[in-house]
């Protein structure tokens, strides 16, 4: 029976060794925490800031007037009686003005985008968020408690007031 005791003792020692090894390596193989996922509604955020921006509204008004002017000049250019060098020159000027306004609008949107991106990066770090999805793209369903759209708007507003020059 000493052989059986010897085998039992060997099995117990071997089992203990395997168990202790698995405890030490368990920290490396431990499951990771699930990723932290939030979502925003970027269309809502952009619309909010465009509607709040006097510059964006002014550019939009100017673009509407220029479009109306271009359409009017194009109608005049179709009429053989009206088609003159003066009308064509006015048409070219309006098209150029439209391009300038498009560029201004694009630059304004880029500023808004940069602020939103900065806020999203800051929020993802501060809240330890792994993924932020745009609700308008691929998210089919998400609980409202994971929506950070309003928080992003507040942070962008706050960022805007911090970055505006102080008048003296």
N, C-alpha and C. Protein backbone atom coordinates (compact mmCIF):
# COMPACT_ATOMS: atom_id res chain seq x y z
N UNK A 1 0.79 -1.20 0.00
CA UNK A 1 0.00 0.00 0.00
C UNK A 1 0.83 1.26 0.00
N UNK A 2 2.05 1.12 0.26
CA UNK A 2 2.90 2.30 0.23
C UNK A 2 2.97 2.87 -1.17
N UNK A 3 2.85 2.00 -2.18
CA UNK A 3 2.85 2.46 -3.57
C UNK A 3 1.60 3.29 -3.86
N UNK A 4 0.46 2.86 -3.31
CA UNK A 4 -0.78 3.60 -3.51
C UNK A 4 -0.75 4.94 -2.81
N UNK A 5 -0.13 4.94 -1.60
CA UNK A 5 -0.01 6.19 -0.86
C UNK A 5 0.92 7.15 -1.63
N UNK A 6 1.98 6.55 -2.15
CA UNK A 6 2.93 7.34 -2.90
C UNK A 6 2.24 7.95 -4.13
N UNK A 7 1.39 7.19 -4.84
CA UNK A 7 0.68 7.67 -6.02
C UNK A 7 -0.33 8.75 -5.62
N UNK A 8 -1.04 8.54 -4.51
CA UNK A 8 -2.03 9.51 -4.05
C UNK A 8 -1.35 10.81 -3.66
N UNK A 9 -0.21 10.72 -2.96
CA UNK A 9 0.54 11.90 -2.56
C UNK A 9 1.05 12.64 -3.79
N UNK A 10 1.54 11.87 -4.78
CA UNK A 10 2.03 12.47 -6.02
C UNK A 10 0.90 13.18 -6.77
N UNK A 11 -0.27 12.56 -6.81
CA UNK A 11 -1.44 13.18 -7.48
C UNK A 11 -1.85 14.45 -6.75
N UNK A 12 -1.84 14.43 -5.42
CA UNK A 12 -2.21 15.62 -4.64
C UNK A 12 -1.21 16.74 -4.87
N UNK A 13 0.08 16.42 -4.85
CA UNK A 13 1.10 17.43 -5.08
C UNK A 13 1.02 18.00 -6.50
N UNK A 14 0.82 17.09 -7.44
CA UNK A 14 0.70 17.53 -8.84
C UNK A 14 -0.54 18.41 -9.03
N UNK A 15 -1.63 18.03 -8.44
CA UNK A 15 -2.86 18.81 -8.53
C UNK A 15 -2.69 20.18 -7.87
N UNK A 16 -2.03 20.19 -6.71
CA UNK A 16 -1.78 21.45 -6.01
C UNK A 16 -0.89 22.37 -6.83
N UNK A 17 0.11 21.76 -7.47
CA UNK A 17 1.00 22.57 -8.30
C UNK A 17 0.24 23.16 -9.48
N UNK A 18 -0.57 22.34 -10.15
CA UNK A 18 -1.36 22.84 -11.28
C UNK A 18 -2.33 23.93 -10.83
N UNK A 19 -2.94 23.72 -9.68
CA UNK A 19 -3.89 24.70 -9.17
C UNK A 19 -3.19 26.01 -8.85
N UNK A 20 -2.02 25.95 -8.21
CA UNK A 20 -1.31 27.17 -7.87
C UNK A 20 -0.83 27.89 -9.13
N UNK A 21 -0.43 27.14 -10.15
CA UNK A 21 0.00 27.76 -11.41
C UNK A 21 -1.17 28.46 -12.09
N UNK A 22 -2.31 27.82 -12.04
CA UNK A 22 -3.47 28.44 -12.68
C UNK A 22 -3.92 29.68 -11.92
N UNK A 23 -3.69 29.75 -10.63
CA UNK A 23 -4.04 30.95 -9.87
C UNK A 23 -3.13 32.11 -10.25
N UNK A 24 -1.85 31.83 -10.45
CA UNK A 24 -0.92 32.89 -10.81
C UNK A 24 -1.10 33.34 -12.25
N UNK A 25 -1.37 32.42 -13.12
CA UNK A 25 -1.56 32.81 -14.53
C UNK A 25 -2.98 33.28 -14.79
N UNK A 26 -3.85 33.11 -13.82
CA UNK A 26 -5.24 33.51 -14.00
C UNK A 26 -5.37 35.01 -14.21
N UNK A 27 -4.46 35.78 -13.65
CA UNK A 27 -4.57 37.22 -13.83
C UNK A 27 -4.29 37.61 -15.28
N UNK A 28 -3.46 36.83 -15.96
CA UNK A 28 -3.19 37.12 -17.36
C UNK A 28 -4.33 36.66 -18.25
N UNK A 29 -5.02 35.63 -17.86
CA UNK A 29 -6.08 35.07 -18.67
C UNK A 29 -7.47 35.50 -18.20
N UNK A 30 -7.50 36.40 -17.22
CA UNK A 30 -8.80 36.84 -16.71
C UNK A 30 -9.54 37.58 -17.82
N UNK A 31 -10.84 37.37 -17.88
CA UNK A 31 -11.59 38.07 -18.93
C UNK A 31 -11.53 39.58 -18.72
N UNK A 32 -11.42 40.30 -19.82
CA UNK A 32 -11.39 41.76 -19.75
C UNK A 32 -12.78 42.28 -19.45
N UNK A 33 -12.79 43.46 -18.87
CA UNK A 33 -14.08 44.11 -18.63
C UNK A 33 -14.71 44.41 -19.98
N UNK A 34 -16.02 44.35 -20.06
CA UNK A 34 -16.66 44.67 -21.35
C UNK A 34 -16.36 46.11 -21.75
N UNK A 35 -16.29 46.37 -23.02
CA UNK A 35 -16.00 47.74 -23.45
C UNK A 35 -17.11 48.70 -23.06
N UNK A 36 -16.73 49.94 -22.81
CA UNK A 36 -17.70 50.97 -22.48
C UNK A 36 -18.10 51.63 -23.79
N UNK A 37 -19.39 51.58 -24.09
CA UNK A 37 -19.91 52.07 -25.36
C UNK A 37 -20.96 53.15 -25.09
N UNK A 38 -20.84 54.25 -25.79
CA UNK A 38 -21.83 55.32 -25.72
C UNK A 38 -22.17 55.73 -27.14
N UNK A 39 -23.21 56.55 -27.29
CA UNK A 39 -23.56 57.02 -28.63
C UNK A 39 -23.96 58.48 -28.58
N UNK A 40 -23.86 59.14 -29.71
CA UNK A 40 -24.29 60.52 -29.86
C UNK A 40 -25.11 60.64 -31.14
N UNK A 41 -25.84 61.72 -31.23
CA UNK A 41 -26.58 62.04 -32.45
C UNK A 41 -25.88 63.25 -33.07
N UNK A 42 -24.91 62.99 -33.95
CA UNK A 42 -24.12 64.07 -34.52
C UNK A 42 -24.96 65.03 -35.35
N UNK A 43 -25.95 64.53 -36.04
CA UNK A 43 -26.80 65.41 -36.84
C UNK A 43 -27.49 66.42 -35.94
N UNK A 44 -27.98 65.97 -34.81
CA UNK A 44 -28.63 66.87 -33.85
C UNK A 44 -27.63 67.90 -33.33
N UNK A 45 -26.41 67.45 -33.03
CA UNK A 45 -25.38 68.36 -32.51
C UNK A 45 -25.03 69.42 -33.55
N UNK A 46 -24.78 68.99 -34.80
CA UNK A 46 -24.47 69.95 -35.85
C UNK A 46 -25.63 70.92 -36.07
N UNK A 47 -26.85 70.42 -36.16
CA UNK A 47 -28.01 71.28 -36.35
C UNK A 47 -28.14 72.30 -35.22
N UNK A 48 -27.89 71.83 -34.01
CA UNK A 48 -27.97 72.71 -32.84
C UNK A 48 -27.01 73.88 -32.99
N UNK A 49 -25.75 73.58 -33.31
CA UNK A 49 -24.75 74.64 -33.39
C UNK A 49 -24.91 75.51 -34.63
N UNK A 50 -25.40 74.97 -35.71
CA UNK A 50 -25.65 75.78 -36.90
C UNK A 50 -26.80 76.74 -36.63
N UNK A 51 -27.85 76.26 -35.95
CA UNK A 51 -28.98 77.12 -35.62
C UNK A 51 -28.63 78.19 -34.59
N UNK A 52 -27.64 77.92 -33.76
CA UNK A 52 -27.21 78.88 -32.75
C UNK A 52 -26.19 79.87 -33.28
N UNK A 53 -25.58 79.56 -34.41
CA UNK A 53 -24.49 80.39 -34.94
C UNK A 53 -25.03 81.49 -35.83
N UNK A 54 -24.75 82.73 -35.47
CA UNK A 54 -25.15 83.86 -36.31
C UNK A 54 -24.40 83.82 -37.64
N UNK A 55 -23.12 83.44 -37.57
CA UNK A 55 -22.32 83.36 -38.80
C UNK A 55 -22.92 82.36 -39.78
N UNK A 56 -23.28 81.18 -39.28
CA UNK A 56 -23.85 80.15 -40.16
C UNK A 56 -25.18 80.61 -40.74
N UNK A 57 -25.99 81.26 -39.93
CA UNK A 57 -27.28 81.76 -40.42
C UNK A 57 -27.09 82.85 -41.47
N UNK A 58 -26.12 83.73 -41.24
CA UNK A 58 -25.85 84.80 -42.19
C UNK A 58 -25.34 84.24 -43.52
N UNK A 59 -24.46 83.27 -43.45
CA UNK A 59 -23.95 82.62 -44.67
C UNK A 59 -25.10 81.96 -45.42
N UNK A 60 -25.97 81.27 -44.70
CA UNK A 60 -27.12 80.60 -45.34
C UNK A 60 -28.03 81.61 -46.02
N UNK A 61 -28.29 82.75 -45.37
CA UNK A 61 -29.13 83.80 -45.97
C UNK A 61 -28.48 84.35 -47.24
N UNK A 62 -27.20 84.61 -47.17
CA UNK A 62 -26.49 85.13 -48.35
C UNK A 62 -26.51 84.12 -49.49
N UNK A 63 -26.33 82.84 -49.15
CA UNK A 63 -26.36 81.80 -50.19
C UNK A 63 -27.72 81.75 -50.87
N UNK A 64 -28.79 81.86 -50.09
CA UNK A 64 -30.14 81.85 -50.67
C UNK A 64 -30.32 83.00 -51.65
N UNK A 65 -29.87 84.18 -51.26
CA UNK A 65 -29.99 85.35 -52.14
C UNK A 65 -29.17 85.15 -53.42
N UNK A 66 -27.98 84.62 -53.27
CA UNK A 66 -27.11 84.40 -54.43
C UNK A 66 -27.73 83.36 -55.36
N UNK A 67 -28.29 82.31 -54.80
CA UNK A 67 -28.93 81.27 -55.62
C UNK A 67 -30.10 81.87 -56.40
N UNK A 68 -30.91 82.67 -55.72
CA UNK A 68 -32.02 83.33 -56.40
C UNK A 68 -31.52 84.21 -57.53
N UNK A 69 -30.45 84.95 -57.26
CA UNK A 69 -29.87 85.83 -58.27
C UNK A 69 -29.32 85.02 -59.46
N UNK A 70 -28.65 83.94 -59.18
CA UNK A 70 -28.11 83.08 -60.25
C UNK A 70 -29.24 82.53 -61.10
N UNK A 71 -30.30 82.06 -60.46
CA UNK A 71 -31.44 81.52 -61.20
C UNK A 71 -32.10 82.59 -62.07
N UNK A 72 -32.23 83.78 -61.52
CA UNK A 72 -32.81 84.89 -62.28
C UNK A 72 -31.94 85.24 -63.49
N UNK A 73 -30.64 85.31 -63.26
CA UNK A 73 -29.73 85.63 -64.36
C UNK A 73 -29.72 84.52 -65.42
N UNK A 74 -29.84 83.27 -64.99
CA UNK A 74 -29.89 82.16 -65.96
C UNK A 74 -31.16 82.24 -66.80
N UNK A 75 -32.27 82.64 -66.20
CA UNK A 75 -33.51 82.82 -66.97
C UNK A 75 -33.33 83.95 -67.99
N UNK A 76 -32.70 85.01 -67.54
CA UNK A 76 -32.46 86.14 -68.45
C UNK A 76 -31.52 85.74 -69.59
N UNK A 77 -30.55 84.89 -69.31
CA UNK A 77 -29.58 84.49 -70.33
C UNK A 77 -30.24 83.60 -71.39
N UNK A 78 -31.33 82.93 -71.03
CA UNK A 78 -32.03 82.09 -72.01
C UNK A 78 -32.84 82.93 -73.00
N UNK A 79 -33.20 84.09 -72.56
CA UNK A 79 -33.96 85.00 -73.42
C UNK A 79 -32.98 85.70 -74.36
N UNK A 80 -33.16 85.53 -75.69
CA UNK A 80 -32.22 86.13 -76.64
C UNK A 80 -32.14 87.65 -76.53
N UNK A 81 -33.24 88.28 -76.12
CA UNK A 81 -33.24 89.74 -75.98
C UNK A 81 -32.38 90.20 -74.81
N UNK A 82 -32.35 89.38 -73.77
CA UNK A 82 -31.66 89.76 -72.53
C UNK A 82 -30.19 89.32 -72.52
N UNK A 83 -29.83 88.36 -73.34
CA UNK A 83 -28.49 87.78 -73.28
C UNK A 83 -27.47 88.82 -73.76
N UNK A 84 -26.82 89.43 -72.76
CA UNK A 84 -25.79 90.41 -73.06
C UNK A 84 -24.54 90.09 -72.25
N UNK A 85 -23.48 90.75 -72.61
CA UNK A 85 -22.22 90.55 -71.89
C UNK A 85 -22.37 90.97 -70.43
N UNK A 86 -23.18 92.00 -70.22
CA UNK A 86 -23.40 92.50 -68.85
C UNK A 86 -24.10 91.44 -67.99
N UNK A 87 -25.09 90.77 -68.52
CA UNK A 87 -25.82 89.72 -67.80
C UNK A 87 -24.90 88.54 -67.54
N UNK A 88 -24.12 88.17 -68.52
CA UNK A 88 -23.18 87.05 -68.35
C UNK A 88 -22.14 87.38 -67.30
N UNK A 89 -21.64 88.60 -67.28
CA UNK A 89 -20.66 89.02 -66.27
C UNK A 89 -21.28 88.98 -64.87
N UNK A 90 -22.50 89.46 -64.75
CA UNK A 90 -23.20 89.42 -63.46
C UNK A 90 -23.39 87.97 -63.01
N UNK A 91 -23.70 87.09 -63.95
CA UNK A 91 -23.86 85.66 -63.65
C UNK A 91 -22.55 85.08 -63.13
N UNK A 92 -21.45 85.40 -63.78
CA UNK A 92 -20.14 84.90 -63.34
C UNK A 92 -19.80 85.43 -61.94
N UNK A 93 -20.10 86.68 -61.69
CA UNK A 93 -19.84 87.27 -60.36
C UNK A 93 -20.64 86.55 -59.28
N UNK A 94 -21.90 86.28 -59.57
CA UNK A 94 -22.75 85.59 -58.58
C UNK A 94 -22.27 84.17 -58.33
N UNK A 95 -21.82 83.50 -59.37
CA UNK A 95 -21.29 82.14 -59.20
C UNK A 95 -20.02 82.17 -58.34
N UNK A 96 -19.18 83.19 -58.58
CA UNK A 96 -17.96 83.33 -57.78
C UNK A 96 -18.33 83.61 -56.32
N UNK A 97 -19.29 84.50 -56.11
CA UNK A 97 -19.74 84.82 -54.75
C UNK A 97 -20.28 83.56 -54.06
N UNK A 98 -21.01 82.73 -54.81
CA UNK A 98 -21.53 81.48 -54.25
C UNK A 98 -20.37 80.58 -53.81
N UNK A 99 -19.33 80.48 -54.61
CA UNK A 99 -18.17 79.66 -54.26
C UNK A 99 -17.49 80.18 -52.99
N UNK A 100 -17.39 81.51 -52.88
CA UNK A 100 -16.80 82.12 -51.68
C UNK A 100 -17.64 81.76 -50.45
N UNK A 101 -18.96 81.86 -50.58
CA UNK A 101 -19.85 81.52 -49.46
C UNK A 101 -19.76 80.04 -49.11
N UNK A 102 -19.64 79.19 -50.12
CA UNK A 102 -19.47 77.74 -49.87
C UNK A 102 -18.20 77.50 -49.07
N UNK A 103 -17.13 78.20 -49.42
CA UNK A 103 -15.86 78.05 -48.70
C UNK A 103 -16.00 78.52 -47.26
N UNK A 104 -16.66 79.67 -47.06
CA UNK A 104 -16.89 80.18 -45.70
C UNK A 104 -17.70 79.19 -44.87
N UNK A 105 -18.73 78.64 -45.50
CA UNK A 105 -19.58 77.66 -44.81
C UNK A 105 -18.77 76.42 -44.44
N UNK A 106 -17.94 75.97 -45.35
CA UNK A 106 -17.10 74.80 -45.09
C UNK A 106 -16.11 75.06 -43.94
N UNK A 107 -15.51 76.24 -43.94
CA UNK A 107 -14.58 76.60 -42.86
C UNK A 107 -15.29 76.67 -41.52
N UNK A 108 -16.50 77.21 -41.53
CA UNK A 108 -17.29 77.30 -40.30
C UNK A 108 -17.64 75.90 -39.78
N UNK A 109 -18.05 75.02 -40.69
CA UNK A 109 -18.38 73.65 -40.30
C UNK A 109 -17.14 72.93 -39.78
N UNK A 110 -15.99 73.21 -40.36
CA UNK A 110 -14.76 72.59 -39.91
C UNK A 110 -14.43 73.01 -38.47
N UNK A 111 -14.66 74.28 -38.14
CA UNK A 111 -14.43 74.74 -36.77
C UNK A 111 -15.36 74.01 -35.80
N UNK A 112 -16.62 73.89 -36.18
CA UNK A 112 -17.58 73.17 -35.33
C UNK A 112 -17.14 71.72 -35.18
N UNK A 113 -16.74 71.09 -36.28
CA UNK A 113 -16.31 69.69 -36.24
C UNK A 113 -15.10 69.50 -35.34
N UNK A 114 -14.16 70.43 -35.41
CA UNK A 114 -12.98 70.32 -34.56
C UNK A 114 -13.34 70.42 -33.08
N UNK A 115 -14.25 71.32 -32.75
CA UNK A 115 -14.68 71.43 -31.35
C UNK A 115 -15.38 70.15 -30.89
N UNK A 116 -16.26 69.64 -31.73
CA UNK A 116 -17.00 68.42 -31.37
C UNK A 116 -16.02 67.26 -31.21
N UNK A 117 -15.09 67.12 -32.12
CA UNK A 117 -14.11 66.03 -32.04
C UNK A 117 -13.27 66.16 -30.77
N UNK A 118 -12.86 67.37 -30.44
CA UNK A 118 -12.07 67.58 -29.22
C UNK A 118 -12.88 67.17 -27.99
N UNK A 119 -14.14 67.57 -27.95
CA UNK A 119 -14.99 67.22 -26.81
C UNK A 119 -15.19 65.71 -26.73
N UNK A 120 -15.44 65.07 -27.87
CA UNK A 120 -15.62 63.61 -27.87
C UNK A 120 -14.37 62.90 -27.37
N UNK A 121 -13.19 63.37 -27.80
CA UNK A 121 -11.94 62.77 -27.31
C UNK A 121 -11.79 62.97 -25.81
N UNK A 122 -12.06 64.20 -25.33
CA UNK A 122 -11.94 64.48 -23.90
C UNK A 122 -12.93 63.64 -23.09
N UNK A 123 -14.18 63.58 -23.57
CA UNK A 123 -15.18 62.78 -22.85
C UNK A 123 -14.81 61.31 -22.82
N UNK A 124 -14.30 60.80 -23.94
CA UNK A 124 -13.95 59.38 -23.98
C UNK A 124 -12.83 59.08 -22.99
N UNK A 125 -11.90 60.01 -22.83
CA UNK A 125 -10.84 59.80 -21.84
C UNK A 125 -11.36 59.93 -20.42
N UNK A 126 -12.11 61.00 -20.15
CA UNK A 126 -12.61 61.26 -18.80
C UNK A 126 -13.59 60.20 -18.32
N UNK A 127 -14.42 59.71 -19.24
CA UNK A 127 -15.44 58.73 -18.86
C UNK A 127 -14.98 57.30 -19.16
N UNK A 128 -13.74 57.16 -19.62
CA UNK A 128 -13.17 55.85 -19.96
C UNK A 128 -14.07 55.09 -20.94
N UNK A 129 -14.47 55.79 -22.00
CA UNK A 129 -15.33 55.22 -23.02
C UNK A 129 -14.44 54.59 -24.09
N UNK A 130 -14.78 53.37 -24.48
CA UNK A 130 -14.01 52.68 -25.51
C UNK A 130 -14.52 53.00 -26.91
N UNK A 131 -15.83 53.13 -27.07
CA UNK A 131 -16.43 53.40 -28.38
C UNK A 131 -17.55 54.42 -28.24
N UNK A 132 -17.58 55.36 -29.19
CA UNK A 132 -18.71 56.28 -29.27
C UNK A 132 -19.25 56.15 -30.69
N UNK A 133 -20.50 55.76 -30.79
CA UNK A 133 -21.15 55.59 -32.09
C UNK A 133 -22.02 56.79 -32.40
N UNK A 134 -22.19 57.04 -33.68
CA UNK A 134 -23.13 58.06 -34.13
C UNK A 134 -24.47 57.36 -34.35
N UNK A 135 -25.48 57.77 -33.63
CA UNK A 135 -26.80 57.12 -33.70
C UNK A 135 -27.35 57.15 -35.11
N UNK A 136 -26.97 58.13 -35.91
CA UNK A 136 -27.50 58.25 -37.25
C UNK A 136 -26.90 57.28 -38.25
N UNK A 137 -25.82 56.61 -37.89
CA UNK A 137 -25.15 55.74 -38.86
C UNK A 137 -25.54 54.28 -38.73
N UNK A 138 -25.12 53.63 -37.67
CA UNK A 138 -25.28 52.19 -37.62
C UNK A 138 -26.01 51.66 -36.38
N UNK A 139 -26.18 52.45 -35.37
CA UNK A 139 -26.81 51.96 -34.15
C UNK A 139 -28.31 51.81 -34.39
N UNK A 140 -28.81 50.63 -34.19
CA UNK A 140 -30.22 50.37 -34.41
C UNK A 140 -31.01 50.62 -33.13
N UNK A 141 -30.44 50.24 -32.01
CA UNK A 141 -31.10 50.48 -30.73
C UNK A 141 -30.04 50.72 -29.68
N UNK A 142 -30.31 51.64 -28.78
CA UNK A 142 -29.44 51.88 -27.63
C UNK A 142 -30.29 52.50 -26.54
N UNK A 143 -29.99 52.14 -25.32
CA UNK A 143 -30.73 52.71 -24.19
C UNK A 143 -30.37 54.19 -24.05
N UNK A 144 -31.34 54.98 -23.68
CA UNK A 144 -31.17 56.43 -23.54
C UNK A 144 -30.07 56.76 -22.54
N UNK A 145 -29.88 55.93 -21.54
CA UNK A 145 -28.88 56.25 -20.52
C UNK A 145 -27.46 56.26 -21.08
N UNK A 146 -27.26 55.70 -22.26
CA UNK A 146 -25.93 55.68 -22.88
C UNK A 146 -25.75 56.83 -23.87
N UNK A 147 -26.79 57.65 -24.05
CA UNK A 147 -26.73 58.77 -24.97
C UNK A 147 -25.98 59.93 -24.32
N UNK A 148 -24.91 60.37 -24.95
CA UNK A 148 -24.12 61.49 -24.40
C UNK A 148 -24.25 62.73 -25.29
N UNK A 149 -25.25 62.77 -26.14
CA UNK A 149 -25.43 63.90 -27.07
C UNK A 149 -25.53 65.22 -26.31
N UNK A 150 -26.38 65.30 -25.30
CA UNK A 150 -26.56 66.55 -24.57
C UNK A 150 -25.29 66.95 -23.83
N UNK A 151 -24.57 65.96 -23.32
CA UNK A 151 -23.32 66.25 -22.63
C UNK A 151 -22.29 66.81 -23.61
N UNK A 152 -22.27 66.28 -24.83
CA UNK A 152 -21.35 66.79 -25.85
C UNK A 152 -21.70 68.24 -26.17
N UNK A 153 -22.98 68.54 -26.33
CA UNK A 153 -23.40 69.92 -26.62
C UNK A 153 -22.95 70.86 -25.50
N UNK A 154 -23.19 70.46 -24.24
CA UNK A 154 -22.77 71.29 -23.11
C UNK A 154 -21.26 71.52 -23.11
N UNK A 155 -20.51 70.47 -23.39
CA UNK A 155 -19.05 70.58 -23.39
C UNK A 155 -18.56 71.45 -24.55
N UNK A 156 -19.17 71.34 -25.71
CA UNK A 156 -18.76 72.18 -26.85
C UNK A 156 -19.06 73.64 -26.54
N UNK A 157 -20.22 73.91 -25.94
CA UNK A 157 -20.55 75.28 -25.54
C UNK A 157 -19.52 75.79 -24.55
N UNK A 158 -19.21 74.96 -23.57
CA UNK A 158 -18.23 75.33 -22.56
C UNK A 158 -16.86 75.56 -23.20
N UNK A 159 -16.48 74.71 -24.13
CA UNK A 159 -15.21 74.86 -24.83
C UNK A 159 -15.20 76.16 -25.62
N UNK A 160 -16.32 76.49 -26.23
CA UNK A 160 -16.41 77.74 -27.00
C UNK A 160 -16.25 78.96 -26.12
N UNK A 161 -16.85 78.93 -24.93
CA UNK A 161 -16.72 80.10 -24.05
C UNK A 161 -15.33 80.20 -23.47
N UNK A 162 -14.65 79.07 -23.27
CA UNK A 162 -13.28 79.11 -22.76
C UNK A 162 -12.31 79.60 -23.81
N UNK A 163 -12.58 79.33 -25.11
CA UNK A 163 -11.63 79.66 -26.15
C UNK A 163 -11.87 81.01 -26.79
N UNK A 164 -13.01 81.66 -26.46
CA UNK A 164 -13.28 82.99 -27.02
C UNK A 164 -12.40 84.02 -26.33
N UNK A 165 -11.90 84.98 -27.09
CA UNK A 165 -11.05 86.00 -26.48
C UNK A 165 -11.85 86.88 -25.50
N UNK A 166 -11.19 87.28 -24.46
CA UNK A 166 -11.83 88.11 -23.45
C UNK A 166 -11.69 89.56 -23.88
N UNK A 167 -12.81 90.27 -23.93
CA UNK A 167 -12.74 91.68 -24.29
C UNK A 167 -12.29 92.49 -23.10
N UNK A 168 -11.53 93.50 -23.37
CA UNK A 168 -10.99 94.32 -22.27
C UNK A 168 -11.59 95.69 -22.29
